[in-house]
Amino acid sequence: MTSDTRRQSNKRGPWSVRGHDQAKSYIRSPVLESAEQRRDERQGRAVQGTKQQAATIQAITEEEQEKLAELEMQLPRVAGKIDGWLLIIVLTLLCIGIVMVYSASAFQAARYQGDASYYFQRELIWMILGLIAMLVTLRVDYRQWRRFSLVGMLIILPLLVIVLKFGVNVYGASRWLALGPFFSFQPSELTKLVLALYIADWLARKGKQVGTFLYGLAPFIILVGIVLGLVLLENDLGTAVIIAVFATAMFFTAGANIAQFLLAMACSGLIFLKEALTSYRYYRITGFLDPFKDVTGINLQLYQALLALGSGGWFGLGLGASRQKTGYLPFPFTDSIFPIIGEELGFVGCVIIVILFLFLAFRGFRLARRTPDLYGALLATGITTWLVLQAMINIGANTGTIPYTGVPLPFISFGGSSLVVSLAAVGVLLNISRYIQEPEMPALSRQALSLRKRRVGKRYITTSQ
């Protein structure tokens, strides 16, 4: 090839490449344009959807939120299965309780009532009524109780006042209303359930305002303080402690301000310390510090309880073989039934009781953690805290772990009011468990808590309550 020919081919080469690229771009341009159009359409739809969502959120007012909540309550829901483990735990405690009531009360029933099964029969009736109450609350959608919580408070507060004037005074405490010669009722037990229902509803409606002093902490202290004052006037410190703790747990779970929460706890601690250092409670504290001093006086019940627990050993003396229930240990089938369990069933029997209540706490708080709405989460938290704390106080008082105070052991101790109300509360828990169904965003998850704190304009957007 000559030099002229090479120069001509070099001149044609670049132009040929450019021409080939231009032809190639002309061929692909309709495809590229179509892809770009589809991409632009998707981006436009996404932006438009975001704007519409933001406009919808900003358009929701507080009144509309309340209306939506009311409409949501009216909508039927498909109920799932109940928490079978929670039901098994409660029924196991009930079976242990009915057997131990008969064993612990047989001697005194035969001696003072002429029938060894006198208290057992009464407890059996109360257990049947309690199971009926549990079935009723299990069938009713727990959201429906929001409508009646205020009415319940308007009923229970006058009862707490009436019991102070017309109540039956037993061992220095005026806690019972006598309705006939064979029936007595303890309003403070019903107060636990009614107050849990009302506080859960009140806190769920408050939303973000729970963290403020004027609309959150101040009315909460006034509300709970009125109830605690009436209960303390009955000389029932144990019930007052239970109410204060589970109400505070619900308040903290709803999003209380930490600083205000600690301040409220300090004030409550001072009030209870003042009550604890007055009258007979002071002697109980001194007796707690030295349980083997004055064993025939202020420490009689604690000393005999410790003897019963120590006598049982690992496996107990056998069912019905307790010696302390024959007149040595006061209240062997009510407040002091746990030492009788330790004496007859031993350390193993006591550990089984403790494990059952620990499982109850696990299932209850797990339920609260997975509940999709704030009201159900707060209600499950309050009921679980109440039942488990009451068991802890009873066991702790009978083992010398805390100063002695008289509260029944849930589902086990003899007592109609406590048993029926506790079973009704368990029914509410079981009903809550029917609507869990593994929500994508539980009410107490971090995402839900941060979402409730999100602020749009001047209004706070809260989750479904």
Protein backbone atom coordinates (compact mmCIF):
# COMPACT_ATOMS: atom_id res chain seq x y z
CA MET A 1 0.00 0.00 0.00
CA THR A 2 1.35 3.37 -0.93
CA SER A 3 1.67 6.28 1.46
CA ASP A 4 -1.17 8.14 -0.29
CA THR A 5 -3.46 5.21 0.16
CA ARG A 6 -2.66 4.94 3.90
CA ARG A 7 -3.29 8.65 4.38
CA GLN A 8 -6.69 8.32 2.73
CA SER A 9 -7.63 5.32 4.90
CA ASN A 10 -6.57 7.16 8.08
CA LYS A 11 -8.76 10.06 7.09
CA ARG A 12 -11.73 7.74 6.51
CA GLY A 13 -11.15 5.73 9.73
CA PRO A 14 -12.21 8.26 12.39
CA TRP A 15 -15.12 9.46 10.33
CA SER A 16 -16.20 5.88 9.86
CA VAL A 17 -16.13 5.24 13.64
CA ARG A 18 -18.04 8.39 14.34
CA GLY A 19 -20.56 7.46 11.77
CA HIS A 20 -20.93 4.00 13.26
CA ASP A 21 -21.43 5.45 16.79
CA GLN A 22 -23.98 7.93 15.55
CA ALA A 23 -25.89 5.19 13.78
CA LYS A 24 -25.73 3.08 16.94
CA SER A 25 -27.02 5.96 19.09
CA TYR A 26 -29.84 6.57 16.62
CA ILE A 27 -30.84 2.95 16.91
CA ARG A 28 -30.81 2.89 20.82
CA SER A 29 -32.34 6.32 21.42
CA PRO A 30 -36.02 5.18 21.50
CA VAL A 31 -35.20 2.53 24.10
CA LEU A 32 -33.27 4.97 26.26
CA GLU A 33 -36.01 7.55 26.01
CA SER A 34 -38.63 4.98 27.04
CA ALA A 35 -36.58 3.90 30.07
CA GLU A 36 -36.03 7.49 31.12
CA GLN A 37 -39.73 8.22 30.79
CA ARG A 38 -40.65 5.25 32.97
CA ARG A 39 -38.08 6.31 35.56
CA ASP A 40 -39.40 9.88 35.61
CA GLU A 41 -42.96 8.60 35.99
CA ARG A 42 -42.00 6.42 38.98
CA GLN A 43 -40.20 9.31 40.64
CA GLY A 44 -43.15 11.58 40.03
CA ARG A 45 -45.60 9.11 41.50
CA ALA A 46 -43.35 8.62 44.55
CA VAL A 47 -43.06 12.38 45.14
CA GLN A 48 -46.81 12.83 44.67
CA GLY A 49 -47.54 9.99 47.11
CA THR A 50 -45.19 11.50 49.69
CA LYS A 51 -46.87 14.89 49.36
CA GLN A 52 -50.32 13.34 49.67
CA GLN A 53 -49.23 11.39 52.76
CA ALA A 54 -47.75 14.50 54.37
CA ALA A 55 -50.90 16.46 53.58
CA THR A 56 -53.04 13.68 55.06
CA ILE A 57 -50.97 13.59 58.25
CA GLN A 58 -51.09 17.35 58.65
CA ALA A 59 -54.85 17.34 58.06
CA ILE A 60 -55.57 15.00 61.00
CA THR A 61 -56.63 16.99 64.04
CA GLU A 62 -57.01 15.81 67.60
CA GLU A 63 -60.80 15.65 67.28
CA GLU A 64 -60.51 13.55 64.16
CA GLN A 65 -58.07 11.24 65.94
CA GLU A 66 -60.61 10.72 68.73
CA LYS A 67 -63.36 10.01 66.20
CA LEU A 68 -61.12 7.55 64.39
CA ALA A 69 -60.36 5.83 67.69
CA GLU A 70 -64.08 5.56 68.49
CA LEU A 71 -64.83 4.16 65.04
CA GLU A 72 -61.97 1.69 65.40
CA MET A 73 -63.44 0.45 68.68
CA GLN A 74 -66.77 -0.18 66.95
CA LEU A 75 -65.21 -2.24 64.19
CA PRO A 76 -65.32 -5.99 64.80
CA ARG A 77 -61.99 -7.77 65.08
CA VAL A 78 -61.11 -11.38 64.41
CA ALA A 79 -59.96 -12.89 67.70
CA GLY A 80 -57.15 -15.39 67.69
CA LYS A 81 -56.12 -18.02 70.19
CA ILE A 82 -55.56 -17.17 73.85
CA ASP A 83 -52.18 -17.45 75.54
CA GLY A 84 -52.37 -21.10 76.55
CA TRP A 85 -49.30 -20.95 78.79
CA LEU A 86 -50.73 -18.06 80.79
CA LEU A 87 -53.97 -19.98 81.30
CA ILE A 88 -52.10 -23.12 82.36
CA ILE A 89 -50.03 -21.16 84.89
CA VAL A 90 -53.11 -19.59 86.49
CA LEU A 91 -55.05 -22.86 86.59
CA THR A 92 -52.05 -24.61 88.18
CA LEU A 93 -51.88 -21.95 90.88
CA LEU A 94 -55.63 -22.31 91.42
CA CYS A 95 -55.37 -26.08 91.87
CA ILE A 96 -52.50 -25.71 94.33
CA GLY A 97 -54.43 -23.00 96.15
CA ILE A 98 -57.68 -24.92 96.61
CA VAL A 99 -55.80 -27.96 97.94
CA MET A 100 -53.67 -25.91 100.31
CA VAL A 101 -56.67 -23.92 101.60
CA TYR A 102 -58.32 -27.16 102.63
CA SER A 103 -55.13 -28.50 104.20
CA ALA A 104 -54.25 -25.26 106.03
CA SER A 105 -57.78 -24.49 107.25
CA ALA A 106 -59.05 -27.96 108.21
CA PHE A 107 -57.94 -27.80 111.86
CA GLN A 108 -59.37 -24.37 112.61
CA ALA A 109 -62.52 -25.05 110.59
CA ALA A 110 -63.20 -28.22 112.56
CA ARG A 111 -62.44 -26.48 115.85
CA TYR A 112 -64.40 -23.26 115.39
CA GLN A 113 -66.99 -24.11 112.70
CA GLY A 114 -67.60 -27.79 113.38
CA ASP A 115 -66.79 -28.74 109.78
CA ALA A 116 -63.26 -29.35 108.52
CA SER A 117 -64.26 -28.39 104.98
CA TYR A 118 -66.04 -25.15 105.94
CA TYR A 119 -63.45 -22.75 104.46
CA PHE A 120 -62.73 -25.12 101.59
CA GLN A 121 -66.37 -25.02 100.51
CA ARG A 122 -66.48 -21.24 100.65
CA GLU A 123 -63.25 -20.98 98.68
CA LEU A 124 -64.62 -23.42 96.10
CA ILE A 125 -67.68 -21.20 95.61
CA TRP A 126 -65.47 -18.13 95.21
CA MET A 127 -63.27 -19.98 92.73
CA ILE A 128 -66.30 -20.90 90.59
CA LEU A 129 -67.48 -17.27 90.64
CA GLY A 130 -63.96 -16.14 89.77
CA LEU A 131 -63.76 -18.53 86.82
CA ILE A 132 -67.11 -17.21 85.57
CA ALA A 133 -65.77 -13.66 85.86
CA MET A 134 -62.64 -14.72 83.98
CA LEU A 135 -64.70 -16.24 81.17
CA VAL A 136 -66.75 -13.04 80.88
CA THR A 137 -63.73 -10.73 80.69
CA LEU A 138 -62.05 -13.17 78.32
CA ARG A 139 -64.95 -12.92 75.87
CA VAL A 140 -65.31 -9.12 75.99
CA ASP A 141 -62.96 -7.15 73.73
CA TYR A 142 -60.63 -5.37 76.16
CA ARG A 143 -61.08 -2.08 74.27
CA GLN A 144 -64.72 -2.00 75.34
CA TRP A 145 -63.69 -1.49 78.97
CA ARG A 146 -62.51 2.00 78.06
CA ARG A 147 -66.14 3.10 77.92
CA PHE A 148 -66.85 1.95 81.46
CA SER A 149 -63.58 2.84 83.23
CA LEU A 150 -64.80 6.31 84.30
CA VAL A 151 -68.09 4.86 85.53
CA GLY A 152 -66.11 2.30 87.50
CA MET A 153 -64.09 5.04 89.18
CA LEU A 154 -67.29 6.93 90.06
CA ILE A 155 -68.55 3.76 91.75
CA ILE A 156 -65.38 2.65 93.52
CA LEU A 157 -64.45 6.01 95.09
CA PRO A 158 -67.72 6.29 97.09
CA LEU A 159 -67.29 2.65 98.17
CA LEU A 160 -63.84 3.46 99.56
CA VAL A 161 -65.46 6.27 101.56
CA ILE A 162 -68.41 4.14 102.71
CA VAL A 163 -66.16 1.37 104.00
CA LEU A 164 -64.45 3.84 106.33
CA LYS A 165 -67.78 4.64 108.00
CA PHE A 166 -69.74 1.40 107.76
CA GLY A 167 -67.04 -1.18 107.14
CA VAL A 168 -66.31 -4.17 109.37
CA ASN A 169 -63.23 -3.57 111.50
CA VAL A 170 -61.03 -6.66 111.73
CA TYR A 171 -57.63 -6.52 113.49
CA GLY A 172 -57.57 -2.73 113.35
CA ALA A 173 -58.32 -2.49 109.62
CA SER A 174 -61.65 -1.37 108.20
CA ARG A 175 -61.53 -3.02 104.78
CA TRP A 176 -64.72 -5.07 104.41
CA LEU A 177 -68.32 -4.21 103.66
CA ALA A 178 -70.70 -6.80 105.09
CA LEU A 179 -73.55 -7.68 102.75
CA GLY A 180 -75.49 -10.08 104.90
CA PRO A 181 -74.29 -12.56 107.54
CA PHE A 182 -72.34 -14.75 105.11
CA PHE A 183 -71.00 -12.35 102.52
CA SER A 184 -68.41 -9.59 102.83
CA PHE A 185 -66.75 -7.56 100.13
CA GLN A 186 -63.41 -5.73 100.05
CA PRO A 187 -63.65 -2.58 97.85
CA SER A 188 -59.88 -2.07 97.79
CA GLU A 189 -59.49 -5.30 95.81
CA LEU A 190 -61.88 -4.13 93.10
CA THR A 191 -60.10 -0.76 93.15
CA LYS A 192 -56.97 -2.41 91.70
CA LEU A 193 -58.73 -3.59 88.56
CA VAL A 194 -60.87 -0.49 88.06
CA LEU A 195 -57.90 1.83 88.57
CA ALA A 196 -55.78 -0.18 86.10
CA LEU A 197 -58.55 0.13 83.48
CA TYR A 198 -58.97 3.86 84.06
CA ILE A 199 -55.27 4.78 84.17
CA ALA A 200 -54.59 2.82 80.97
CA ASP A 201 -57.36 4.73 79.19
CA TRP A 202 -56.33 8.08 80.64
CA LEU A 203 -52.67 7.69 79.74
CA ALA A 204 -53.46 6.41 76.24
CA ARG A 205 -55.58 9.52 75.57
CA LYS A 206 -52.89 11.86 76.88
CA GLY A 207 -50.34 10.84 74.29
CA LYS A 208 -47.29 13.12 74.33
CA GLN A 209 -48.74 15.22 77.16
CA VAL A 210 -47.83 12.46 79.62
CA GLY A 211 -44.30 13.88 79.67
CA THR A 212 -45.45 17.34 80.78
CA PHE A 213 -45.93 18.44 84.37
CA LEU A 214 -49.22 20.30 84.03
CA TYR A 215 -51.11 17.72 81.97
CA GLY A 216 -49.20 14.58 82.91
CA LEU A 217 -47.53 14.35 86.31
CA ALA A 218 -49.76 16.72 88.29
CA PRO A 219 -53.16 15.12 87.47
CA PHE A 220 -51.60 11.66 87.82
CA ILE A 221 -50.41 12.44 91.35
CA ILE A 222 -53.79 13.89 92.29
CA LEU A 223 -55.71 10.91 90.93
CA VAL A 224 -53.52 8.21 92.46
CA GLY A 225 -53.05 10.24 95.64
CA ILE A 226 -56.80 10.37 96.31
CA VAL A 227 -57.10 6.59 95.94
CA LEU A 228 -54.02 5.92 98.06
CA GLY A 229 -55.26 8.26 100.76
CA LEU A 230 -58.56 6.43 101.06
CA VAL A 231 -56.82 3.03 101.12
CA LEU A 232 -54.33 4.18 103.75
CA LEU A 233 -57.22 5.37 105.93
CA GLU A 234 -58.32 1.72 105.99
CA ASN A 235 -54.93 0.82 107.53
CA ASP A 236 -54.11 -1.22 104.44
CA LEU A 237 -50.52 -0.28 103.65
CA GLY A 238 -49.87 -3.41 101.59
CA THR A 239 -52.66 -2.68 99.10
CA ALA A 240 -51.59 0.97 98.93
CA VAL A 241 -48.04 -0.07 97.99
CA ILE A 242 -49.35 -2.38 95.27
CA ILE A 243 -51.57 0.33 93.78
CA ALA A 244 -48.78 2.92 93.90
CA VAL A 245 -46.25 0.64 92.20
CA PHE A 246 -48.40 -0.65 89.34
CA ALA A 247 -49.82 2.82 88.66
CA THR A 248 -46.28 4.23 88.55
CA ALA A 249 -45.17 1.41 86.24
CA MET A 250 -47.99 2.26 83.84
CA PHE A 251 -47.16 5.97 84.01
CA PHE A 252 -43.49 5.32 83.27
CA THR A 253 -44.35 2.93 80.41
CA ALA A 254 -46.58 5.58 78.81
CA GLY A 255 -43.59 7.90 78.43
CA ALA A 256 -43.23 9.90 81.63
CA ASN A 257 -40.46 12.45 81.95
CA ILE A 258 -37.58 10.77 83.81
CA ALA A 259 -36.79 13.75 86.04
CA GLN A 260 -40.44 14.24 86.98
CA PHE A 261 -40.81 10.51 87.46
CA LEU A 262 -37.90 10.39 89.93
CA LEU A 263 -39.32 13.40 91.74
CA ALA A 264 -42.69 11.68 92.08
CA MET A 265 -40.99 8.52 93.32
CA ALA A 266 -39.10 10.51 95.95
CA CYS A 267 -42.28 12.18 97.16
CA SER A 268 -44.12 8.87 97.29
CA GLY A 269 -41.24 7.31 99.17
CA LEU A 270 -41.40 10.05 101.80
CA ILE A 271 -45.15 9.58 102.23
CA PHE A 272 -44.87 5.82 102.64
CA LEU A 273 -41.91 6.24 104.97
CA LYS A 274 -44.00 8.54 107.15
CA GLU A 275 -46.81 5.97 107.22
CA ALA A 276 -44.38 3.14 107.92
CA LEU A 277 -42.90 4.91 110.93
CA THR A 278 -46.23 5.46 112.67
CA SER A 279 -48.14 3.24 115.11
CA TYR A 280 -47.75 -0.53 114.83
CA ARG A 281 -45.89 -0.34 111.51
CA TYR A 282 -42.84 1.03 113.28
CA TYR A 283 -42.72 -2.03 115.50
CA ARG A 284 -42.98 -4.26 112.45
CA ILE A 285 -39.92 -2.58 110.98
CA THR A 286 -37.96 -3.03 114.20
CA GLY A 287 -39.14 -6.64 114.32
CA PHE A 288 -37.96 -7.13 110.74
CA LEU A 289 -34.50 -5.95 111.74
CA ASP A 290 -34.36 -8.60 114.50
CA PRO A 291 -36.94 -11.33 113.76
CA PHE A 292 -35.96 -13.47 116.75
CA LYS A 293 -36.66 -10.75 119.30
CA ASP A 294 -40.04 -10.52 121.01
CA VAL A 295 -41.23 -13.76 119.37
CA THR A 296 -44.38 -13.80 121.51
CA GLY A 297 -45.31 -10.22 120.62
CA ILE A 298 -44.79 -8.20 117.46
CA ASN A 299 -42.67 -10.93 115.81
CA LEU A 300 -44.99 -13.84 116.61
CA GLN A 301 -46.32 -14.29 113.09
CA LEU A 302 -42.93 -13.90 111.40
CA TYR A 303 -41.20 -16.22 113.88
CA GLN A 304 -43.81 -18.96 113.48
CA ALA A 305 -43.67 -18.56 109.69
CA LEU A 306 -39.91 -19.07 109.72
CA LEU A 307 -40.33 -22.13 111.95
CA ALA A 308 -42.82 -23.59 109.48
CA LEU A 309 -40.53 -22.98 106.54
CA GLY A 310 -37.54 -24.45 108.36
CA SER A 311 -39.47 -27.51 109.51
CA GLY A 312 -40.36 -28.49 105.95
CA GLY A 313 -36.84 -29.19 104.78
CA TRP A 314 -36.39 -30.11 101.13
CA PHE A 315 -39.56 -32.12 100.51
CA GLY A 316 -41.82 -31.18 103.44
CA LEU A 317 -43.60 -33.12 106.15
CA GLY A 318 -46.33 -34.25 103.77
CA LEU A 319 -49.68 -32.82 102.71
CA GLY A 320 -51.84 -32.16 105.76
CA ALA A 321 -49.01 -32.85 108.24
CA SER A 322 -48.30 -29.24 109.25
CA ARG A 323 -47.96 -28.56 112.97
CA GLN A 324 -47.88 -24.76 112.76
CA LYS A 325 -51.46 -24.57 111.45
CA THR A 326 -52.80 -26.09 114.69
CA GLY A 327 -52.88 -22.76 116.50
CA TYR A 328 -49.24 -21.64 116.42
CA LEU A 329 -49.15 -19.65 113.17
CA PRO A 330 -51.79 -16.89 112.85
CA PHE A 331 -53.85 -16.84 109.62
CA PRO A 332 -52.46 -20.12 108.25
CA PHE A 333 -54.84 -20.25 105.28
CA THR A 334 -54.91 -16.54 104.34
CA ASP A 335 -51.87 -14.27 104.58
CA SER A 336 -49.59 -17.01 105.99
CA ILE A 337 -50.43 -19.85 103.60
CA PHE A 338 -46.98 -19.75 102.00
CA PRO A 339 -45.20 -20.97 105.18
CA ILE A 340 -47.71 -23.84 105.37
CA ILE A 341 -46.81 -24.75 101.79
CA GLY A 342 -43.15 -24.74 102.80
CA GLU A 343 -43.83 -26.91 105.85
CA GLU A 344 -45.95 -29.51 104.04
CA LEU A 345 -44.38 -29.47 100.56
CA GLY A 346 -40.90 -28.33 101.50
CA PHE A 347 -38.40 -26.14 99.71
CA VAL A 348 -39.31 -27.80 96.41
CA GLY A 349 -42.96 -26.79 96.78
CA CYS A 350 -41.99 -23.18 97.53
CA VAL A 351 -39.69 -23.06 94.51
CA ILE A 352 -42.49 -24.33 92.28
CA ILE A 353 -44.75 -21.49 93.49
CA VAL A 354 -42.03 -18.91 92.84
CA ILE A 355 -41.30 -20.30 89.37
CA LEU A 356 -44.99 -20.21 88.45
CA PHE A 357 -45.20 -16.52 89.35
CA LEU A 358 -41.99 -15.82 87.43
CA PHE A 359 -43.54 -17.48 84.38
CA LEU A 360 -46.67 -15.40 84.95
CA ALA A 361 -44.53 -12.25 84.94
CA PHE A 362 -42.76 -13.36 81.75
CA ARG A 363 -45.97 -14.12 79.86
CA GLY A 364 -47.68 -10.95 81.09
CA PHE A 365 -44.86 -8.54 80.20
CA ARG A 366 -44.26 -10.37 76.92
CA LEU A 367 -47.93 -9.79 76.19
CA ALA A 368 -47.59 -6.09 76.99
CA ARG A 369 -44.54 -5.88 74.73
CA ARG A 370 -46.39 -7.36 71.73
CA THR A 371 -49.74 -5.60 72.09
CA PRO A 372 -50.40 -3.46 68.98
CA ASP A 373 -52.19 -0.57 70.76
CA LEU A 374 -51.00 1.58 73.64
CA TYR A 375 -54.10 1.04 75.77
CA GLY A 376 -53.70 -2.74 75.71
CA ALA A 377 -49.98 -2.49 76.41
CA LEU A 378 -50.53 -0.25 79.44
CA LEU A 379 -53.34 -2.44 80.74
CA ALA A 380 -51.26 -5.62 80.45
CA THR A 381 -48.35 -3.89 82.19
CA GLY A 382 -50.51 -2.73 85.08
CA ILE A 383 -52.28 -6.05 85.68
CA THR A 384 -49.09 -8.10 85.46
CA THR A 385 -47.23 -5.75 87.80
CA TRP A 386 -50.09 -5.88 90.30
CA LEU A 387 -50.35 -9.70 90.45
CA VAL A 388 -46.61 -10.38 90.51
CA LEU A 389 -45.85 -7.60 93.01
CA GLN A 390 -48.58 -8.86 95.36
CA ALA A 391 -47.04 -12.33 95.26
CA MET A 392 -43.59 -10.88 95.93
CA ILE A 393 -44.84 -8.91 98.93
CA ASN A 394 -46.60 -11.93 100.43
CA ILE A 395 -43.63 -14.25 99.94
CA GLY A 396 -41.15 -11.60 101.06
CA ALA A 397 -43.10 -10.81 104.24
CA ASN A 398 -43.42 -14.49 105.20
CA THR A 399 -39.74 -15.20 104.63
CA GLY A 400 -38.47 -12.13 106.50
CA THR A 401 -37.19 -10.49 103.32
CA ILE A 402 -39.29 -7.34 103.83
CA PRO A 403 -41.16 -5.94 106.85
CA TYR A 404 -44.36 -7.86 107.49
CA THR A 405 -47.54 -6.65 105.83
CA GLY A 406 -50.72 -8.58 105.26
CA VAL A 407 -51.65 -9.19 101.62
CA PRO A 408 -53.04 -12.46 100.20
CA LEU A 409 -51.02 -14.68 97.88
CA PRO A 410 -52.83 -14.41 94.50
CA PHE A 411 -54.86 -17.48 93.45
CA ILE A 412 -53.71 -19.43 96.54
CA SER A 413 -54.74 -17.64 99.75
CA PHE A 414 -58.29 -17.92 101.06
CA GLY A 415 -60.33 -14.83 100.20
CA GLY A 416 -63.27 -14.22 97.92
CA SER A 417 -62.75 -10.62 96.85
CA SER A 418 -59.09 -11.11 95.99
CA LEU A 419 -59.68 -14.35 94.09
CA VAL A 420 -62.62 -13.15 91.98
CA VAL A 421 -61.00 -9.83 91.05
CA SER A 422 -57.64 -11.47 90.27
CA LEU A 423 -59.30 -14.02 87.98
CA ALA A 424 -61.28 -11.27 86.25
CA ALA A 425 -57.99 -9.44 85.65
CA VAL A 426 -56.46 -12.60 84.20
CA GLY A 427 -59.44 -12.80 81.85
CA VAL A 428 -58.58 -9.32 80.57
CA LEU A 429 -54.99 -10.44 79.98
CA LEU A 430 -56.17 -13.51 78.09
CA ASN A 431 -58.45 -11.36 75.95
CA ILE A 432 -55.54 -9.06 75.09
CA SER A 433 -53.56 -12.13 74.03
CA ARG A 434 -56.26 -12.98 71.47
CA TYR A 435 -55.44 -9.90 69.41
CA ILE A 436 -51.65 -10.04 69.36
CA GLN A 437 -51.06 -11.89 66.05
CA GLU A 438 -47.43 -10.74 65.85
CA PRO A 439 -47.92 -7.03 64.95
CA GLU A 440 -45.33 -5.38 62.75
CA MET A 441 -44.95 -2.51 65.19
CA PRO A 442 -45.97 -3.31 68.80
CA ALA A 443 -47.08 -0.36 70.91
CA LEU A 444 -44.01 -0.52 73.17
CA SER A 445 -41.41 -1.09 70.44
CA ARG A 446 -38.72 1.54 69.84
CA GLN A 447 -40.21 2.41 66.47
CA ALA A 448 -43.66 3.00 67.95
CA LEU A 449 -42.31 5.04 70.85
CA SER A 450 -40.31 7.26 68.49
CA LEU A 451 -43.32 7.58 66.19
CA ARG A 452 -45.51 8.77 69.08
CA LYS A 453 -42.92 11.45 69.84
CA ARG A 454 -42.79 12.70 66.25
CA ARG A 455 -44.17 16.17 65.87
CA VAL A 456 -45.90 17.49 62.78
CA GLY A 457 -46.39 21.23 62.94
CA LYS A 458 -47.84 21.99 66.36
CA ARG A 459 -49.70 18.70 66.73
CA TYR A 460 -48.27 15.42 67.89
CA ILE A 461 -49.12 12.40 65.78
CA THR A 462 -49.76 9.40 67.99
CA THR A 463 -50.23 5.75 67.19
CA SER A 464 -53.62 4.06 67.38
CA GLN A 465 -54.89 4.13 70.95
